[in-house]
Amino acid sequence: MSKYKTDIKFVEVGIVPLVLLGLALYPVLSAVASAPATAFAALARDFCRVQLMLSGWLAVGMILLIPLLIVPLFGPRFEPATVLLPWFALLAIVKGAEVALYRLLYSVQRQAVYFRSLAIGTVVIVGLNLVLIPRLGVSGAVQAAVLSTCGVVSICAAGLAQFVRWRVFIELLARLAVALALTWGVSTLAAALGAVPWLSAGLSCCLFPDAAALAGLVPNPSRSLLLGRNHPAVAS
């Protein structure tokens, strides 16, 4: 279980900025929740874009950069932890989506939906652990966490359907997939050209925000209701 404990810390620490960002933007989200539905939908879309971009960036770092840091930082006995990092990177992405959606639920006063999703998610993860851990070991525990969090995210998205359409979430996930694919392409090309692992990983991590911008995951500060100053609630 030491592999699990090591890798989960990267996820727990990595999503802290996402939680703090949601907390900082909560007054704006709550204010615009009482504005016209189209304004809140646009704001929610931008908020999810930012959160998915940051969680995707965390995932890239976990897959490409952290494997190069674990042994130098913690010693050779922690090297087996690198095997599970791709699963934990996926967990970081779905956790980022959860952080975005529960903050939106709070802003429209539907926190009860999030409570129900957590209750169901707890039952699901317990059941999956009982099934997967005896068969797959630590890998099964990570997969159980990913699948249960996906369930939580789905319930939260359903709870927001009155305010934000499902196709918006599907579109944003597709954009994230494009950004990750572009970053993986850069990493693969750099490795094929003979770049050392440190250079390839560092280059990919640095270029991910550009890939996310190309994929449409970075809101335009001058037009975004989230990042701009003139959202409807303030203007009124």
C-alpha atoms as a PDB file:
ATOM      1  CA  MET A   1       0.000   0.000   0.000  1.00  0.00           C
ATOM      2  CA  SER A   2       3.016   2.315   0.199  1.00  0.00           C
ATOM      3  CA  LYS A   3       2.722   2.855  -3.568  1.00  0.00           C
ATOM      4  CA  TYR A   4      -0.876   4.009  -3.105  1.00  0.00           C
ATOM      5  CA  LYS A   5      -0.018   6.314  -0.210  1.00  0.00           C
ATOM      6  CA  THR A   6       2.843   7.913  -2.143  1.00  0.00           C
ATOM      7  CA  ASP A   7       0.903   8.563  -5.341  1.00  0.00           C
ATOM      8  CA  ILE A   8      -2.324   9.721  -3.697  1.00  0.00           C
ATOM      9  CA  LYS A   9      -0.388  12.505  -1.992  1.00  0.00           C
ATOM     10  CA  PHE A  10       0.442  13.998  -5.382  1.00  0.00           C
ATOM     11  CA  VAL A  11      -3.262  14.086  -6.212  1.00  0.00           C
ATOM     12  CA  GLU A  12      -4.284  15.486  -2.832  1.00  0.00           C
ATOM     13  CA  VAL A  13      -1.684  18.250  -2.921  1.00  0.00           C
ATOM     14  CA  GLY A  14      -2.131  18.919  -6.634  1.00  0.00           C
ATOM     15  CA  ILE A  15      -5.858  19.642  -6.446  1.00  0.00           C
ATOM     16  CA  VAL A  16      -5.481  22.103  -3.561  1.00  0.00           C
ATOM     17  CA  PRO A  17      -5.043  25.065  -5.981  1.00  0.00           C
ATOM     18  CA  LEU A  18      -8.240  23.985  -7.763  1.00  0.00           C
ATOM     19  CA  VAL A  19     -10.148  23.973  -4.482  1.00  0.00           C
ATOM     20  CA  LEU A  20      -8.745  27.378  -3.522  1.00  0.00           C
ATOM     21  CA  LEU A  21      -9.594  28.798  -6.947  1.00  0.00           C
ATOM     22  CA  GLY A  22     -13.171  27.603  -6.571  1.00  0.00           C
ATOM     23  CA  LEU A  23     -13.329  29.173  -3.133  1.00  0.00           C
ATOM     24  CA  ALA A  24     -11.963  32.481  -4.441  1.00  0.00           C
ATOM     25  CA  LEU A  25     -14.446  32.583  -7.327  1.00  0.00           C
ATOM     26  CA  TYR A  26     -17.423  31.424  -5.286  1.00  0.00           C
ATOM     27  CA  PRO A  27     -18.770  34.976  -4.672  1.00  0.00           C
ATOM     28  CA  VAL A  28     -18.838  35.619  -8.416  1.00  0.00           C
ATOM     29  CA  LEU A  29     -20.466  32.262  -9.136  1.00  0.00           C
ATOM     30  CA  SER A  30     -23.126  32.858  -6.485  1.00  0.00           C
ATOM     31  CA  ALA A  31     -23.827  36.391  -7.690  1.00  0.00           C
ATOM     32  CA  VAL A  32     -24.291  35.368 -11.309  1.00  0.00           C
ATOM     33  CA  ALA A  33     -26.478  32.408 -10.304  1.00  0.00           C
ATOM     34  CA  SER A  34     -29.301  34.919  -9.819  1.00  0.00           C
ATOM     35  CA  ALA A  35     -28.622  36.558 -13.207  1.00  0.00           C
ATOM     36  CA  PRO A  36     -30.160  35.347 -16.500  1.00  0.00           C
ATOM     37  CA  ALA A  37     -29.649  31.630 -17.150  1.00  0.00           C
ATOM     38  CA  THR A  38     -27.487  32.278 -20.198  1.00  0.00           C
ATOM     39  CA  ALA A  39     -25.049  34.326 -18.130  1.00  0.00           C
ATOM     40  CA  PHE A  40     -24.642  31.609 -15.512  1.00  0.00           C
ATOM     41  CA  ALA A  41     -24.254  28.927 -18.185  1.00  0.00           C
ATOM     42  CA  ALA A  42     -21.448  30.931 -19.818  1.00  0.00           C
ATOM     43  CA  LEU A  43     -19.792  31.534 -16.457  1.00  0.00           C
ATOM     44  CA  ALA A  44     -20.063  27.868 -15.485  1.00  0.00           C
ATOM     45  CA  ARG A  45     -18.554  26.832 -18.803  1.00  0.00           C
ATOM     46  CA  ASP A  46     -15.560  29.108 -18.301  1.00  0.00           C
ATOM     47  CA  PHE A  47     -15.116  27.905 -14.721  1.00  0.00           C
ATOM     48  CA  CYS A  48     -15.099  24.275 -15.843  1.00  0.00           C
ATOM     49  CA  ARG A  49     -12.661  25.123 -18.638  1.00  0.00           C
ATOM     50  CA  VAL A  50     -10.169  26.576 -16.175  1.00  0.00           C
ATOM     51  CA  GLN A  51     -10.554  23.710 -13.703  1.00  0.00           C
ATOM     52  CA  LEU A  52     -10.143  21.049 -16.383  1.00  0.00           C
ATOM     53  CA  MET A  53      -7.118  22.830 -17.806  1.00  0.00           C
ATOM     54  CA  LEU A  54      -5.457  22.878 -14.384  1.00  0.00           C
ATOM     55  CA  SER A  55      -6.327  19.261 -13.607  1.00  0.00           C
ATOM     56  CA  GLY A  56      -5.058  18.235 -17.049  1.00  0.00           C
ATOM     57  CA  TRP A  57      -1.816  20.084 -16.380  1.00  0.00           C
ATOM     58  CA  LEU A  58      -1.496  18.202 -13.093  1.00  0.00           C
ATOM     59  CA  ALA A  59      -2.089  14.915 -14.912  1.00  0.00           C
ATOM     60  CA  VAL A  60       0.625  15.694 -17.465  1.00  0.00           C
ATOM     61  CA  GLY A  61       3.085  16.423 -14.684  1.00  0.00           C
ATOM     62  CA  MET A  62       2.162  13.215 -12.890  1.00  0.00           C
ATOM     63  CA  ILE A  63       2.666  11.077 -15.985  1.00  0.00           C
ATOM     64  CA  LEU A  64       5.798  12.695 -17.403  1.00  0.00           C
ATOM     65  CA  LEU A  65       7.621  14.608 -14.686  1.00  0.00           C
ATOM     66  CA  ILE A  66       6.901  12.959 -11.345  1.00  0.00           C
ATOM     67  CA  PRO A  67       8.296   9.541 -12.402  1.00  0.00           C
ATOM     68  CA  LEU A  68      11.643  11.280 -12.845  1.00  0.00           C
ATOM     69  CA  LEU A  69      11.426  12.862  -9.383  1.00  0.00           C
ATOM     70  CA  ILE A  70      10.230  10.021  -7.173  1.00  0.00           C
ATOM     71  CA  VAL A  71      13.496   8.093  -6.928  1.00  0.00           C
ATOM     72  CA  PRO A  72      15.791  11.149  -6.482  1.00  0.00           C
ATOM     73  CA  LEU A  73      13.456  12.590  -3.842  1.00  0.00           C
ATOM     74  CA  PHE A  74      12.326   9.519  -1.931  1.00  0.00           C
ATOM     75  CA  GLY A  75      14.844   6.801  -2.774  1.00  0.00           C
ATOM     76  CA  PRO A  76      14.881   3.609  -4.874  1.00  0.00           C
ATOM     77  CA  ARG A  77      12.362   1.795  -2.693  1.00  0.00           C
ATOM     78  CA  PHE A  78       9.655   4.169  -3.955  1.00  0.00           C
ATOM     79  CA  GLU A  79      10.287   3.342  -7.630  1.00  0.00           C
ATOM     80  CA  PRO A  80       7.337   0.859  -7.797  1.00  0.00           C
ATOM     81  CA  ALA A  81       5.020   3.825  -7.148  1.00  0.00           C
ATOM     82  CA  THR A  82       5.686   5.114 -10.667  1.00  0.00           C
ATOM     83  CA  VAL A  83       3.763   2.200 -12.192  1.00  0.00           C
ATOM     84  CA  LEU A  84       0.447   3.481 -10.855  1.00  0.00           C
ATOM     85  CA  LEU A  85       0.933   7.142 -11.764  1.00  0.00           C
ATOM     86  CA  PRO A  86      -1.127   7.003 -15.008  1.00  0.00           C
ATOM     87  CA  TRP A  87      -4.132   5.801 -13.003  1.00  0.00           C
ATOM     88  CA  PHE A  88      -3.593   8.525 -10.428  1.00  0.00           C
ATOM     89  CA  ALA A  89      -3.284  11.073 -13.237  1.00  0.00           C
ATOM     90  CA  LEU A  90      -6.737  10.012 -14.429  1.00  0.00           C
ATOM     91  CA  LEU A  91      -7.970  10.311 -10.852  1.00  0.00           C
ATOM     92  CA  ALA A  92      -6.580  13.864 -10.736  1.00  0.00           C
ATOM     93  CA  ILE A  93      -8.635  14.787 -13.806  1.00  0.00           C
ATOM     94  CA  VAL A  94     -11.915  13.399 -12.490  1.00  0.00           C
ATOM     95  CA  LYS A  95     -11.223  14.970  -9.088  1.00  0.00           C
ATOM     96  CA  GLY A  96     -10.709  18.288 -10.851  1.00  0.00           C
ATOM     97  CA  ALA A  97     -14.090  17.861 -12.535  1.00  0.00           C
ATOM     98  CA  GLU A  98     -15.656  17.052  -9.166  1.00  0.00           C
ATOM     99  CA  VAL A  99     -14.181  20.184  -7.594  1.00  0.00           C
ATOM    100  CA  ALA A 100     -15.602  22.307 -10.411  1.00  0.00           C
ATOM    101  CA  LEU A 101     -19.073  20.781 -10.332  1.00  0.00           C
ATOM    102  CA  TYR A 102     -19.616  20.786  -6.581  1.00  0.00           C
ATOM    103  CA  ARG A 103     -18.665  24.458  -6.446  1.00  0.00           C
ATOM    104  CA  LEU A 104     -21.239  25.169  -9.145  1.00  0.00           C
ATOM    105  CA  LEU A 105     -23.837  23.190  -7.210  1.00  0.00           C
ATOM    106  CA  TYR A 106     -23.099  25.266  -4.120  1.00  0.00           C
ATOM    107  CA  SER A 107     -23.518  28.470  -6.105  1.00  0.00           C
ATOM    108  CA  VAL A 108     -27.053  27.487  -7.230  1.00  0.00           C
ATOM    109  CA  GLN A 109     -27.920  26.195  -3.744  1.00  0.00           C
ATOM    110  CA  ARG A 110     -28.084  22.541  -4.763  1.00  0.00           C
ATOM    111  CA  GLN A 111     -25.513  21.251  -2.317  1.00  0.00           C
ATOM    112  CA  ALA A 112     -27.880  18.409  -1.413  1.00  0.00           C
ATOM    113  CA  VAL A 113     -27.140  16.906  -4.827  1.00  0.00           C
ATOM    114  CA  TYR A 114     -23.454  16.795  -3.984  1.00  0.00           C
ATOM    115  CA  PHE A 115     -24.207  15.196  -0.630  1.00  0.00           C
ATOM    116  CA  ARG A 116     -26.224  12.464  -2.332  1.00  0.00           C
ATOM    117  CA  SER A 117     -23.497  11.930  -4.912  1.00  0.00           C
ATOM    118  CA  LEU A 118     -20.922  11.464  -2.132  1.00  0.00           C
ATOM    119  CA  ALA A 119     -23.176   9.001  -0.328  1.00  0.00           C
ATOM    120  CA  ILE A 120     -23.641   6.964  -3.502  1.00  0.00           C
ATOM    121  CA  GLY A 121     -19.942   7.277  -4.336  1.00  0.00           C
ATOM    122  CA  THR A 122     -19.014   5.931  -0.914  1.00  0.00           C
ATOM    123  CA  VAL A 123     -21.210   2.858  -1.389  1.00  0.00           C
ATOM    124  CA  VAL A 124     -19.798   2.333  -4.890  1.00  0.00           C
ATOM    125  CA  ILE A 125     -16.141   2.603  -3.849  1.00  0.00           C
ATOM    126  CA  VAL A 126     -16.642   0.171  -0.963  1.00  0.00           C
ATOM    127  CA  GLY A 127     -18.248  -2.351  -3.307  1.00  0.00           C
ATOM    128  CA  LEU A 128     -15.581  -1.898  -5.967  1.00  0.00           C
ATOM    129  CA  ASN A 129     -12.815  -2.255  -3.407  1.00  0.00           C
ATOM    130  CA  LEU A 130     -14.265  -5.563  -2.257  1.00  0.00           C
ATOM    131  CA  VAL A 131     -14.325  -6.800  -5.845  1.00  0.00           C
ATOM    132  CA  LEU A 132     -11.186  -5.281  -7.371  1.00  0.00           C
ATOM    133  CA  ILE A 133      -8.584  -5.281  -4.594  1.00  0.00           C
ATOM    134  CA  PRO A 134      -8.519  -9.085  -4.138  1.00  0.00           C
ATOM    135  CA  ARG A 135      -8.076  -9.460  -7.915  1.00  0.00           C
ATOM    136  CA  LEU A 136      -5.844  -6.521  -8.830  1.00  0.00           C
ATOM    137  CA  GLY A 137      -4.281  -5.403  -5.575  1.00  0.00           C
ATOM    138  CA  VAL A 138      -3.320  -1.739  -5.267  1.00  0.00           C
ATOM    139  CA  SER A 139      -4.212  -1.120  -8.913  1.00  0.00           C
ATOM    140  CA  GLY A 140      -7.762  -2.215  -8.118  1.00  0.00           C
ATOM    141  CA  ALA A 141      -7.970   0.336  -5.302  1.00  0.00           C
ATOM    142  CA  VAL A 142      -6.995   3.143  -7.668  1.00  0.00           C
ATOM    143  CA  GLN A 143      -9.449   1.977 -10.314  1.00  0.00           C
ATOM    144  CA  ALA A 144     -12.197   1.831  -7.692  1.00  0.00           C
ATOM    145  CA  ALA A 145     -11.419   5.437  -6.717  1.00  0.00           C
ATOM    146  CA  VAL A 146     -11.517   6.552 -10.362  1.00  0.00           C
ATOM    147  CA  LEU A 147     -14.797   4.788 -11.128  1.00  0.00           C
ATOM    148  CA  SER A 148     -16.549   5.974  -7.977  1.00  0.00           C
ATOM    149  CA  THR A 149     -15.415   9.562  -8.598  1.00  0.00           C
ATOM    150  CA  CYS A 150     -16.726   9.310 -12.158  1.00  0.00           C
ATOM    151  CA  GLY A 151     -20.079   8.353 -10.624  1.00  0.00           C
ATOM    152  CA  VAL A 152     -19.965  11.382  -8.326  1.00  0.00           C
ATOM    153  CA  VAL A 153     -19.142  13.643 -11.281  1.00  0.00           C
ATOM    154  CA  SER A 154     -22.008  12.198 -13.357  1.00  0.00           C
ATOM    155  CA  ILE A 155     -24.525  12.794 -10.566  1.00  0.00           C
ATOM    156  CA  CYS A 156     -23.280  16.351 -10.074  1.00  0.00           C
ATOM    157  CA  ALA A 157     -23.532  17.031 -13.804  1.00  0.00           C
ATOM    158  CA  ALA A 158     -27.081  15.686 -13.799  1.00  0.00           C
ATOM    159  CA  GLY A 159     -27.887  17.992 -10.891  1.00  0.00           C
ATOM    160  CA  LEU A 160     -26.694  20.947 -12.959  1.00  0.00           C
ATOM    161  CA  ALA A 161     -28.607  19.947 -16.102  1.00  0.00           C
ATOM    162  CA  GLN A 162     -31.193  22.665 -15.442  1.00  0.00           C
ATOM    163  CA  PHE A 163     -28.444  25.286 -15.631  1.00  0.00           C
ATOM    164  CA  VAL A 164     -25.767  23.793 -17.902  1.00  0.00           C
ATOM    165  CA  ARG A 165     -26.496  21.332 -20.694  1.00  0.00           C
ATOM    166  CA  TRP A 166     -24.800  17.935 -20.801  1.00  0.00           C
ATOM    167  CA  ARG A 167     -23.261  18.683 -24.178  1.00  0.00           C
ATOM    168  CA  VAL A 168     -21.199  21.468 -22.588  1.00  0.00           C
ATOM    169  CA  PHE A 169     -19.477  18.999 -20.261  1.00  0.00           C
ATOM    170  CA  ILE A 170     -18.960  16.502 -23.071  1.00  0.00           C
ATOM    171  CA  GLU A 171     -17.488  19.237 -25.262  1.00  0.00           C
ATOM    172  CA  LEU A 172     -15.065  20.340 -22.546  1.00  0.00           C
ATOM    173  CA  LEU A 173     -13.906  16.776 -21.918  1.00  0.00           C
ATOM    174  CA  ALA A 174     -13.285  16.406 -25.639  1.00  0.00           C
ATOM    175  CA  ARG A 175     -11.240  19.614 -25.629  1.00  0.00           C
ATOM    176  CA  LEU A 176      -9.201  18.302 -22.708  1.00  0.00           C
ATOM    177  CA  ALA A 177      -8.593  15.055 -24.602  1.00  0.00           C
ATOM    178  CA  VAL A 178      -7.310  17.065 -27.578  1.00  0.00           C
ATOM    179  CA  ALA A 179      -4.965  19.094 -25.344  1.00  0.00           C
ATOM    180  CA  LEU A 180      -3.617  15.920 -23.735  1.00  0.00           C
ATOM    181  CA  ALA A 181      -3.157  14.278 -27.134  1.00  0.00           C
ATOM    182  CA  LEU A 182      -1.225  17.293 -28.432  1.00  0.00           C
ATOM    183  CA  THR A 183       1.006  17.245 -25.359  1.00  0.00           C
ATOM    184  CA  TRP A 184       1.598  13.516 -25.687  1.00  0.00           C
ATOM    185  CA  GLY A 185       2.497  14.061 -29.342  1.00  0.00           C
ATOM    186  CA  VAL A 186       5.091  16.660 -28.365  1.00  0.00           C
ATOM    187  CA  SER A 187       6.544  14.307 -25.747  1.00  0.00           C
ATOM    188  CA  THR A 188       6.689  11.402 -28.192  1.00  0.00           C
ATOM    189  CA  LEU A 189       8.290  13.535 -30.900  1.00  0.00           C
ATOM    190  CA  ALA A 190      10.897  14.907 -28.504  1.00  0.00           C
ATOM    191  CA  ALA A 191      11.783  11.397 -27.372  1.00  0.00           C
ATOM    192  CA  ALA A 192      12.004  10.209 -30.972  1.00  0.00           C
ATOM    193  CA  LEU A 193      14.405  13.042 -31.752  1.00  0.00           C
ATOM    194  CA  GLY A 194      16.685  11.875 -28.945  1.00  0.00           C
ATOM    195  CA  ALA A 195      15.782  14.346 -26.211  1.00  0.00           C
ATOM    196  CA  VAL A 196      16.710  13.205 -22.720  1.00  0.00           C
ATOM    197  CA  PRO A 197      13.695  12.322 -20.493  1.00  0.00           C
ATOM    198  CA  TRP A 198      14.086  15.457 -18.379  1.00  0.00           C
ATOM    199  CA  LEU A 199      13.990  17.703 -21.437  1.00  0.00           C
ATOM    200  CA  SER A 200      11.052  15.869 -22.983  1.00  0.00           C
ATOM    201  CA  ALA A 201       9.030  15.963 -19.753  1.00  0.00           C
ATOM    202  CA  GLY A 202       9.858  19.588 -19.029  1.00  0.00           C
ATOM    203  CA  LEU A 203       9.028  20.677 -22.563  1.00  0.00           C
ATOM    204  CA  SER A 204       5.699  18.859 -22.502  1.00  0.00           C
ATOM    205  CA  CYS A 205       4.724  20.335 -19.142  1.00  0.00           C
ATOM    206  CA  CYS A 206       5.623  23.838 -20.297  1.00  0.00           C
ATOM    207  CA  LEU A 207       3.719  23.477 -23.560  1.00  0.00           C
ATOM    208  CA  PHE A 208       0.534  22.000 -22.107  1.00  0.00           C
ATOM    209  CA  PRO A 209      -1.052  25.436 -21.389  1.00  0.00           C
ATOM    210  CA  ASP A 210      -0.481  26.339 -25.053  1.00  0.00           C
ATOM    211  CA  ALA A 211      -2.052  23.055 -26.139  1.00  0.00           C
ATOM    212  CA  ALA A 212      -4.981  23.748 -23.810  1.00  0.00           C
ATOM    213  CA  ALA A 213      -5.378  27.225 -25.300  1.00  0.00           C
ATOM    214  CA  LEU A 214      -5.381  25.779 -28.823  1.00  0.00           C
ATOM    215  CA  ALA A 215      -8.004  23.253 -27.754  1.00  0.00           C
ATOM    216  CA  GLY A 216     -10.212  26.020 -26.343  1.00  0.00           C
ATOM    217  CA  LEU A 217      -9.754  25.323 -22.631  1.00  0.00           C
ATOM    218  CA  VAL A 218      -8.397  28.767 -21.739  1.00  0.00           C
ATOM    219  CA  PRO A 219     -11.019  31.549 -21.571  1.00  0.00           C
ATOM    220  CA  ASN A 220     -10.262  34.905 -23.137  1.00  0.00           C
ATOM    221  CA  PRO A 221      -9.805  37.269 -20.155  1.00  0.00           C
ATOM    222  CA  SER A 222     -11.229  40.213 -22.075  1.00  0.00           C
ATOM    223  CA  ARG A 223     -14.446  38.353 -22.943  1.00  0.00           C
ATOM    224  CA  SER A 224     -14.892  35.888 -20.138  1.00  0.00           C
ATOM    225  CA  LEU A 225     -17.588  36.568 -17.554  1.00  0.00           C
ATOM    226  CA  LEU A 226     -15.470  34.640 -15.077  1.00  0.00           C
ATOM    227  CA  LEU A 227     -12.181  36.453 -15.522  1.00  0.00           C
ATOM    228  CA  GLY A 228     -13.543  39.872 -16.492  1.00  0.00           C
ATOM    229  CA  ARG A 229     -14.941  42.482 -14.170  1.00  0.00           C
ATOM    230  CA  ASN A 230     -18.218  43.259 -15.893  1.00  0.00           C
ATOM    231  CA  HIS A 231     -20.449  40.289 -15.228  1.00  0.00           C
ATOM    232  CA  PRO A 232     -24.217  40.929 -15.126  1.00  0.00           C
ATOM    233  CA  ALA A 233     -24.585  40.751 -11.349  1.00  0.00           C
ATOM    234  CA  VAL A 234     -21.920  43.422 -10.801  1.00  0.00           C
ATOM    235  CA  ALA A 235     -23.169  45.616 -13.636  1.00  0.00           C
ATOM    236  CA  SER A 236     -26.614  45.700 -12.118  1.00  0.00           C
END
